[in-house]
Amino acid sequence: TTRTNDAARITQLVEQLGAGGYAKREAAERE
């Protein structure tokens, strides 16, 4: 897409879906 080309950020957020803190997992899912 023309709006989101940051593959590294997406990879980071996917990994954060398994973060130790619930708030971090929820934040990654929302983003």
PDB file of all heavy atoms in Angstrom:
ATOM      1  N   THR A   1       0.828  -1.193   0.000  1.00  0.00           N
ATOM      2  CA  THR A   1       0.000   0.000   0.000  1.00  0.00           C
ATOM      3  C   THR A   1       0.855   1.231   0.000  1.00  0.00           C
ATOM      4  O   THR A   1       2.052   1.195   0.257  1.00  0.00           O
ATOM      5  CB  THR A   1      -0.918   0.057   1.239  1.00  0.00           C
ATOM      6  OG1 THR A   1      -0.139   0.502   2.343  1.00  0.00           O
ATOM      7  CG2 THR A   1      -1.554  -1.270   1.546  1.00  0.00           C
ATOM      8  N   THR A   2       0.237   2.349  -0.286  1.00  0.00           N
ATOM      9  CA  THR A   2       0.942   3.611  -0.298  1.00  0.00           C
ATOM     10  C   THR A   2       1.032   4.209   1.092  1.00  0.00           C
ATOM     11  O   THR A   2       1.706   5.197   1.288  1.00  0.00           O
ATOM     12  CB  THR A   2       0.212   4.606  -1.205  1.00  0.00           C
ATOM     13  OG1 THR A   2      -1.107   4.801  -0.699  1.00  0.00           O
ATOM     14  CG2 THR A   2       0.153   4.107  -2.615  1.00  0.00           C
ATOM     15  N   ARG A   3       0.320   3.632   2.055  1.00  0.00           N
ATOM     16  CA  ARG A   3       0.242   4.243   3.372  1.00  0.00           C
ATOM     17  C   ARG A   3       1.164   3.592   4.394  1.00  0.00           C
ATOM     18  O   ARG A   3       1.593   4.210   5.339  1.00  0.00           O
ATOM     19  CB  ARG A   3      -1.204   4.184   3.884  1.00  0.00           C
ATOM     20  CG  ARG A   3      -2.215   4.815   2.937  1.00  0.00           C
ATOM     21  CD  ARG A   3      -2.005   6.317   2.795  1.00  0.00           C
ATOM     22  NE  ARG A   3      -2.845   6.872   1.744  1.00  0.00           N
ATOM     23  CZ  ARG A   3      -4.112   7.232   1.916  1.00  0.00           C
ATOM     24  NH1 ARG A   3      -4.684   7.103   3.076  1.00  0.00           N
ATOM     25  NH2 ARG A   3      -4.791   7.738   0.912  1.00  0.00           N
ATOM     26  N   THR A   4       1.456   2.317   4.245  1.00  0.00           N
ATOM     27  CA  THR A   4       2.276   1.625   5.228  1.00  0.00           C
ATOM     28  C   THR A   4       3.278   0.751   4.498  1.00  0.00           C
ATOM     29  O   THR A   4       2.911  -0.232   3.884  1.00  0.00           O
ATOM     30  CB  THR A   4       1.411   0.756   6.155  1.00  0.00           C
ATOM     31  OG1 THR A   4       0.430   1.579   6.762  1.00  0.00           O
ATOM     32  CG2 THR A   4       2.256   0.091   7.218  1.00  0.00           C
ATOM     33  N   ASN A   5       4.552   1.121   4.522  1.00  0.00           N
ATOM     34  CA  ASN A   5       5.569   0.344   3.836  1.00  0.00           C
ATOM     35  C   ASN A   5       6.656  -0.121   4.795  1.00  0.00           C
ATOM     36  O   ASN A   5       7.714  -0.557   4.370  1.00  0.00           O
ATOM     37  CB  ASN A   5       6.192   1.190   2.719  1.00  0.00           C
ATOM     38  CG  ASN A   5       5.187   1.495   1.634  1.00  0.00           C
ATOM     39  OD1 ASN A   5       4.670   0.593   1.006  1.00  0.00           O
ATOM     40  ND2 ASN A   5       4.893   2.763   1.429  1.00  0.00           N
ATOM     41  N   ASP A   6       6.437  -0.001   6.126  1.00  0.00           N
ATOM     42  CA  ASP A   6       7.442  -0.332   7.114  1.00  0.00           C
ATOM     43  C   ASP A   6       7.304  -1.786   7.531  1.00  0.00           C
ATOM     44  O   ASP A   6       6.664  -2.111   8.537  1.00  0.00           O
ATOM     45  CB  ASP A   6       7.305   0.607   8.303  1.00  0.00           C
ATOM     46  CG  ASP A   6       8.501   0.509   9.250  1.00  0.00           C
ATOM     47  OD1 ASP A   6       9.278  -0.459   9.105  1.00  0.00           O
ATOM     48  OD2 ASP A   6       8.642   1.373  10.118  1.00  0.00           O
ATOM     49  N   ALA A   7       7.923  -2.665   6.770  1.00  0.00           N
ATOM     50  CA  ALA A   7       7.832  -4.102   7.066  1.00  0.00           C
ATOM     51  C   ALA A   7       8.452  -4.426   8.413  1.00  0.00           C
ATOM     52  O   ALA A   7       7.990  -5.319   9.130  1.00  0.00           O
ATOM     53  CB  ALA A   7       8.498  -4.904   5.954  1.00  0.00           C
ATOM     54  N   ALA A   8       9.523  -3.711   8.761  1.00  0.00           N
ATOM     55  CA  ALA A   8      10.187  -3.970  10.039  1.00  0.00           C
ATOM     56  C   ALA A   8       9.252  -3.672  11.212  1.00  0.00           C
ATOM     57  O   ALA A   8       9.227  -4.409  12.201  1.00  0.00           O
ATOM     58  CB  ALA A   8      11.456  -3.129  10.150  1.00  0.00           C
ATOM     59  N   ARG A   9       8.471  -2.605  11.098  1.00  0.00           N
ATOM     60  CA  ARG A   9       7.531  -2.267  12.164  1.00  0.00           C
ATOM     61  C   ARG A   9       6.447  -3.327  12.279  1.00  0.00           C
ATOM     62  O   ARG A   9       6.057  -3.721  13.390  1.00  0.00           O
ATOM     63  CB  ARG A   9       6.908  -0.890  11.897  1.00  0.00           C
ATOM     64  CG  ARG A   9       5.856  -0.462  12.920  1.00  0.00           C
ATOM     65  CD  ARG A   9       6.429  -0.405  14.316  1.00  0.00           C
ATOM     66  NE  ARG A   9       5.440   0.051  15.298  1.00  0.00           N
ATOM     67  CZ  ARG A   9       5.556  -0.150  16.599  1.00  0.00           C
ATOM     68  NH1 ARG A   9       6.614  -0.785  17.101  1.00  0.00           N
ATOM     69  NH2 ARG A   9       4.634   0.298  17.424  1.00  0.00           N
ATOM     70  N   ILE A  10       5.948  -3.811  11.164  1.00  0.00           N
ATOM     71  CA  ILE A  10       4.923  -4.849  11.196  1.00  0.00           C
ATOM     72  C   ILE A  10       5.472  -6.112  11.853  1.00  0.00           C
ATOM     73  O   ILE A  10       4.808  -6.728  12.687  1.00  0.00           O
ATOM     74  CB  ILE A  10       4.410  -5.143   9.772  1.00  0.00           C
ATOM     75  CG1 ILE A  10       3.605  -3.945   9.247  1.00  0.00           C
ATOM     76  CG2 ILE A  10       3.552  -6.416   9.747  1.00  0.00           C
ATOM     77  CD1 ILE A  10       3.214  -4.051   7.793  1.00  0.00           C
ATOM     78  N   THR A  11       6.695  -6.496  11.489  1.00  0.00           N
ATOM     79  CA  THR A  11       7.322  -7.671  12.103  1.00  0.00           C
ATOM     80  C   THR A  11       7.450  -7.500  13.610  1.00  0.00           C
ATOM     81  O   THR A  11       7.162  -8.425  14.383  1.00  0.00           O
ATOM     82  CB  THR A  11       8.705  -7.913  11.484  1.00  0.00           C
ATOM     83  OG1 THR A  11       8.560  -8.151  10.084  1.00  0.00           O
ATOM     84  CG2 THR A  11       9.394  -9.109  12.133  1.00  0.00           C
ATOM     85  N   GLN A  12       7.862  -6.309  14.031  1.00  0.00           N
ATOM     86  CA  GLN A  12       7.996  -6.027  15.460  1.00  0.00           C
ATOM     87  C   GLN A  12       6.661  -6.155  16.185  1.00  0.00           C
ATOM     88  O   GLN A  12       6.566  -6.733  17.274  1.00  0.00           O
ATOM     89  CB  GLN A  12       8.562  -4.619  15.645  1.00  0.00           C
ATOM     90  CG  GLN A  12       8.763  -4.201  17.095  1.00  0.00           C
ATOM     91  CD  GLN A  12       9.215  -2.753  17.203  1.00  0.00           C
ATOM     92  OE1 GLN A  12       8.811  -1.905  16.432  1.00  0.00           O
ATOM     93  NE2 GLN A  12      10.077  -2.480  18.176  1.00  0.00           N
ATOM     94  N   LEU A  13       5.603  -5.635  15.565  1.00  0.00           N
ATOM     95  CA  LEU A  13       4.288  -5.696  16.192  1.00  0.00           C
ATOM     96  C   LEU A  13       3.767  -7.126  16.283  1.00  0.00           C
ATOM     97  O   LEU A  13       3.143  -7.504  17.282  1.00  0.00           O
ATOM     98  CB  LEU A  13       3.303  -4.831  15.405  1.00  0.00           C
ATOM     99  CG  LEU A  13       3.506  -3.327  15.528  1.00  0.00           C
ATOM    100  CD1 LEU A  13       2.675  -2.592  14.482  1.00  0.00           C
ATOM    101  CD2 LEU A  13       3.137  -2.848  16.930  1.00  0.00           C
ATOM    102  N   VAL A  14       4.011  -7.923  15.240  1.00  0.00           N
ATOM    103  CA  VAL A  14       3.582  -9.327  15.278  1.00  0.00           C
ATOM    104  C   VAL A  14       4.286 -10.054  16.414  1.00  0.00           C
ATOM    105  O   VAL A  14       3.661 -10.823  17.157  1.00  0.00           O
ATOM    106  CB  VAL A  14       3.844 -10.012  13.923  1.00  0.00           C
ATOM    107  CG1 VAL A  14       3.595 -11.511  14.029  1.00  0.00           C
ATOM    108  CG2 VAL A  14       2.946  -9.415  12.836  1.00  0.00           C
ATOM    109  N   GLU A  15       5.579  -9.813  16.582  1.00  0.00           N
ATOM    110  CA  GLU A  15       6.312 -10.432  17.692  1.00  0.00           C
ATOM    111  C   GLU A  15       5.760  -9.963  19.040  1.00  0.00           C
ATOM    112  O   GLU A  15       5.681 -10.729  20.002  1.00  0.00           O
ATOM    113  CB  GLU A  15       7.793 -10.091  17.583  1.00  0.00           C
ATOM    114  CG  GLU A  15       8.479 -10.747  16.389  1.00  0.00           C
ATOM    115  CD  GLU A  15       9.906 -10.272  16.204  1.00  0.00           C
ATOM    116  OE1 GLU A  15      10.325  -9.335  16.921  1.00  0.00           O
ATOM    117  OE2 GLU A  15      10.595 -10.835  15.334  1.00  0.00           O
ATOM    118  N   GLN A  16       5.316  -8.703  19.081  1.00  0.00           N
ATOM    119  CA  GLN A  16       4.801  -8.131  20.326  1.00  0.00           C
ATOM    120  C   GLN A  16       3.463  -8.742  20.728  1.00  0.00           C
ATOM    121  O   GLN A  16       3.033  -8.615  21.878  1.00  0.00           O
ATOM    122  CB  GLN A  16       4.672  -6.614  20.161  1.00  0.00           C
ATOM    123  CG  GLN A  16       4.419  -5.852  21.460  1.00  0.00           C
ATOM    124  CD  GLN A  16       4.400  -4.352  21.234  1.00  0.00           C
ATOM    125  OE1 GLN A  16       5.221  -3.816  20.496  1.00  0.00           O
ATOM    126  NE2 GLN A  16       3.439  -3.661  21.862  1.00  0.00           N
ATOM    127  N   LEU A  17       2.798  -9.427  19.784  1.00  0.00           N
ATOM    128  CA  LEU A  17       1.559 -10.125  20.139  1.00  0.00           C
ATOM    129  C   LEU A  17       1.793 -11.175  21.218  1.00  0.00           C
ATOM    130  O   LEU A  17       0.855 -11.595  21.898  1.00  0.00           O
ATOM    131  CB  LEU A  17       0.952 -10.785  18.898  1.00  0.00           C
ATOM    132  CG  LEU A  17       0.414  -9.863  17.807  1.00  0.00           C
ATOM    133  CD1 LEU A  17      -0.027 -10.671  16.600  1.00  0.00           C
ATOM    134  CD2 LEU A  17      -0.743  -9.008  18.327  1.00  0.00           C
ATOM    135  N   GLY A  18       3.042 -11.604  21.377  1.00  0.00           N
ATOM    136  CA  GLY A  18       3.372 -12.584  22.400  1.00  0.00           C
ATOM    137  C   GLY A  18       4.163 -12.000  23.555  1.00  0.00           C
ATOM    138  O   GLY A  18       4.783 -12.747  24.308  1.00  0.00           O
ATOM    139  N   ALA A  19       4.156 -10.674  23.696  1.00  0.00           N
ATOM    140  CA  ALA A  19       4.924 -10.017  24.753  1.00  0.00           C
ATOM    141  C   ALA A  19       4.438 -10.435  26.134  1.00  0.00           C
ATOM    142  O   ALA A  19       3.286 -10.848  26.317  1.00  0.00           O
ATOM    143  CB  ALA A  19       4.821  -8.496  24.600  1.00  0.00           C
ATOM    144  N   GLY A  20       5.313 -10.283  27.111  1.00  0.00           N
ATOM    145  CA  GLY A  20       4.975 -10.702  28.468  1.00  0.00           C
ATOM    146  C   GLY A  20       3.872  -9.879  29.114  1.00  0.00           C
ATOM    147  O   GLY A  20       3.091 -10.398  29.908  1.00  0.00           O
ATOM    148  N   GLY A  21       3.773  -8.606  28.761  1.00  0.00           N
ATOM    149  CA  GLY A  21       2.756  -7.759  29.360  1.00  0.00           C
ATOM    150  C   GLY A  21       1.485  -7.701  28.537  1.00  0.00           C
ATOM    151  O   GLY A  21       1.522  -7.540  27.319  1.00  0.00           O
ATOM    152  N   TYR A  22       0.339  -7.862  29.210  1.00  0.00           N
ATOM    153  CA  TYR A  22      -0.950  -7.845  28.520  1.00  0.00           C
ATOM    154  C   TYR A  22      -1.159  -6.537  27.761  1.00  0.00           C
ATOM    155  O   TYR A  22      -1.648  -6.534  26.626  1.00  0.00           O
ATOM    156  CB  TYR A  22      -2.072  -8.046  29.536  1.00  0.00           C
ATOM    157  CG  TYR A  22      -3.466  -7.962  28.955  1.00  0.00           C
ATOM    158  CD1 TYR A  22      -4.006  -9.020  28.238  1.00  0.00           C
ATOM    159  CD2 TYR A  22      -4.233  -6.803  29.122  1.00  0.00           C
ATOM    160  CE1 TYR A  22      -5.281  -8.944  27.699  1.00  0.00           C
ATOM    161  CE2 TYR A  22      -5.513  -6.717  28.589  1.00  0.00           C
ATOM    162  CZ  TYR A  22      -6.024  -7.781  27.884  1.00  0.00           C
ATOM    163  OH  TYR A  22      -7.294  -7.699  27.348  1.00  0.00           O
ATOM    164  N   ALA A  23      -0.790  -5.416  28.382  1.00  0.00           N
ATOM    165  CA  ALA A  23      -0.994  -4.118  27.746  1.00  0.00           C
ATOM    166  C   ALA A  23      -0.216  -4.014  26.437  1.00  0.00           C
ATOM    167  O   ALA A  23      -0.712  -3.450  25.451  1.00  0.00           O
ATOM    168  CB  ALA A  23      -0.585  -2.991  28.694  1.00  0.00           C
ATOM    169  N   LYS A  24       1.001  -4.578  26.422  1.00  0.00           N
ATOM    170  CA  LYS A  24       1.802  -4.545  25.194  1.00  0.00           C
ATOM    171  C   LYS A  24       1.168  -5.396  24.100  1.00  0.00           C
ATOM    172  O   LYS A  24       1.154  -5.020  22.929  1.00  0.00           O
ATOM    173  CB  LYS A  24       3.225  -5.038  25.486  1.00  0.00           C
ATOM    174  CG  LYS A  24       4.085  -4.052  26.240  1.00  0.00           C
ATOM    175  CD  LYS A  24       5.516  -4.562  26.355  1.00  0.00           C
ATOM    176  CE  LYS A  24       6.416  -3.546  27.035  1.00  0.00           C
ATOM    177  NZ  LYS A  24       7.818  -4.026  27.128  1.00  0.00           N
ATOM    178  N   ARG A  25       0.642  -6.553  24.485  1.00  0.00           N
ATOM    179  CA  ARG A  25      -0.012  -7.420  23.489  1.00  0.00           C
ATOM    180  C   ARG A  25      -1.237  -6.724  22.897  1.00  0.00           C
ATOM    181  O   ARG A  25      -1.463  -6.754  21.682  1.00  0.00           O
ATOM    182  CB  ARG A  25      -0.417  -8.756  24.123  1.00  0.00           C
ATOM    183  CG  ARG A  25       0.758  -9.589  24.617  1.00  0.00           C
ATOM    184  CD  ARG A  25       0.364 -11.030  24.858  1.00  0.00           C
ATOM    185  NE  ARG A  25      -0.659 -11.185  25.887  1.00  0.00           N
ATOM    186  CZ  ARG A  25      -0.423 -11.302  27.192  1.00  0.00           C
ATOM    187  NH1 ARG A  25       0.837 -11.247  27.637  1.00  0.00           N
ATOM    188  NH2 ARG A  25      -1.401 -11.473  28.069  1.00  0.00           N
ATOM    189  N   GLU A  26      -2.029  -6.083  23.757  1.00  0.00           N
ATOM    190  CA  GLU A  26      -3.229  -5.380  23.293  1.00  0.00           C
ATOM    191  C   GLU A  26      -2.869  -4.211  22.395  1.00  0.00           C
ATOM    192  O   GLU A  26      -3.526  -3.955  21.380  1.00  0.00           O
ATOM    193  CB  GLU A  26      -4.033  -4.885  24.499  1.00  0.00           C
ATOM    194  CG  GLU A  26      -4.752  -5.982  25.254  1.00  0.00           C
ATOM    195  CD  GLU A  26      -5.919  -6.533  24.453  1.00  0.00           C
ATOM    196  OE1 GLU A  26      -6.898  -5.804  24.263  1.00  0.00           O
ATOM    197  OE2 GLU A  26      -5.838  -7.706  24.018  1.00  0.00           O
ATOM    198  N   ALA A  27      -1.812  -3.474  22.751  1.00  0.00           N
ATOM    199  CA  ALA A  27      -1.390  -2.324  21.944  1.00  0.00           C
ATOM    200  C   ALA A  27      -0.934  -2.776  20.560  1.00  0.00           C
ATOM    201  O   ALA A  27      -1.263  -2.140  19.539  1.00  0.00           O
ATOM    202  CB  ALA A  27      -0.265  -1.572  22.652  1.00  0.00           C
ATOM    203  N   ALA A  28      -0.183  -3.882  20.505  1.00  0.00           N
ATOM    204  CA  ALA A  28       0.274  -4.404  19.215  1.00  0.00           C
ATOM    205  C   ALA A  28      -0.907  -4.839  18.359  1.00  0.00           C
ATOM    206  O   ALA A  28      -0.947  -4.571  17.146  1.00  0.00           O
ATOM    207  CB  ALA A  28       1.220  -5.581  19.435  1.00  0.00           C
ATOM    208  N   GLU A  29      -1.895  -5.483  18.975  1.00  0.00           N
ATOM    209  CA  GLU A  29      -3.068  -5.936  18.223  1.00  0.00           C
ATOM    210  C   GLU A  29      -3.845  -4.746  17.656  1.00  0.00           C
ATOM    211  O   GLU A  29      -4.288  -4.777  16.502  1.00  0.00           O
ATOM    212  CB  GLU A  29      -3.959  -6.785  19.117  1.00  0.00           C
ATOM    213  CG  GLU A  29      -5.117  -7.421  18.371  1.00  0.00           C
ATOM    214  CD  GLU A  29      -5.794  -8.518  19.174  1.00  0.00           C
ATOM    215  OE1 GLU A  29      -5.130  -9.147  20.020  1.00  0.00           O
ATOM    216  OE2 GLU A  29      -6.997  -8.734  18.938  1.00  0.00           O
ATOM    217  N   ARG A  30      -3.993  -3.692  18.456  1.00  0.00           N
ATOM    218  CA  ARG A  30      -4.715  -2.514  17.971  1.00  0.00           C
ATOM    219  C   ARG A  30      -3.988  -1.865  16.794  1.00  0.00           C
ATOM    220  O   ARG A  30      -4.619  -1.463  15.812  1.00  0.00           O
ATOM    221  CB  ARG A  30      -4.888  -1.501  19.103  1.00  0.00           C
ATOM    222  CG  ARG A  30      -5.943  -1.871  20.134  1.00  0.00           C
ATOM    223  CD  ARG A  30      -6.284  -0.677  21.011  1.00  0.00           C
ATOM    224  NE  ARG A  30      -5.121  -0.178  21.738  1.00  0.00           N
ATOM    225  CZ  ARG A  30      -4.743  -0.629  22.933  1.00  0.00           C
ATOM    226  NH1 ARG A  30      -5.431  -1.586  23.534  1.00  0.00           N
ATOM    227  NH2 ARG A  30      -3.677  -0.118  23.541  1.00  0.00           N
ATOM    228  N   GLU A  31      -2.665  -1.767  16.895  1.00  0.00           N
ATOM    229  CA  GLU A  31      -1.911  -1.118  15.812  1.00  0.00           C
ATOM    230  C   GLU A  31      -1.933  -1.959  14.540  1.00  0.00           C
ATOM    231  O   GLU A  31      -2.062  -1.422  13.433  1.00  0.00           O
ATOM    232  CB  GLU A  31      -0.474  -0.849  16.253  1.00  0.00           C
ATOM    233  CG  GLU A  31       0.286   0.010  15.254  1.00  0.00           C
ATOM    234  CD  GLU A  31       1.628   0.516  15.763  1.00  0.00           C
ATOM    235  OE1 GLU A  31       1.844   0.496  17.002  1.00  0.00           O
ATOM    236  OE2 GLU A  31       2.456   0.924  14.933  1.00  0.00           O
TER     237      GLU A  31
END
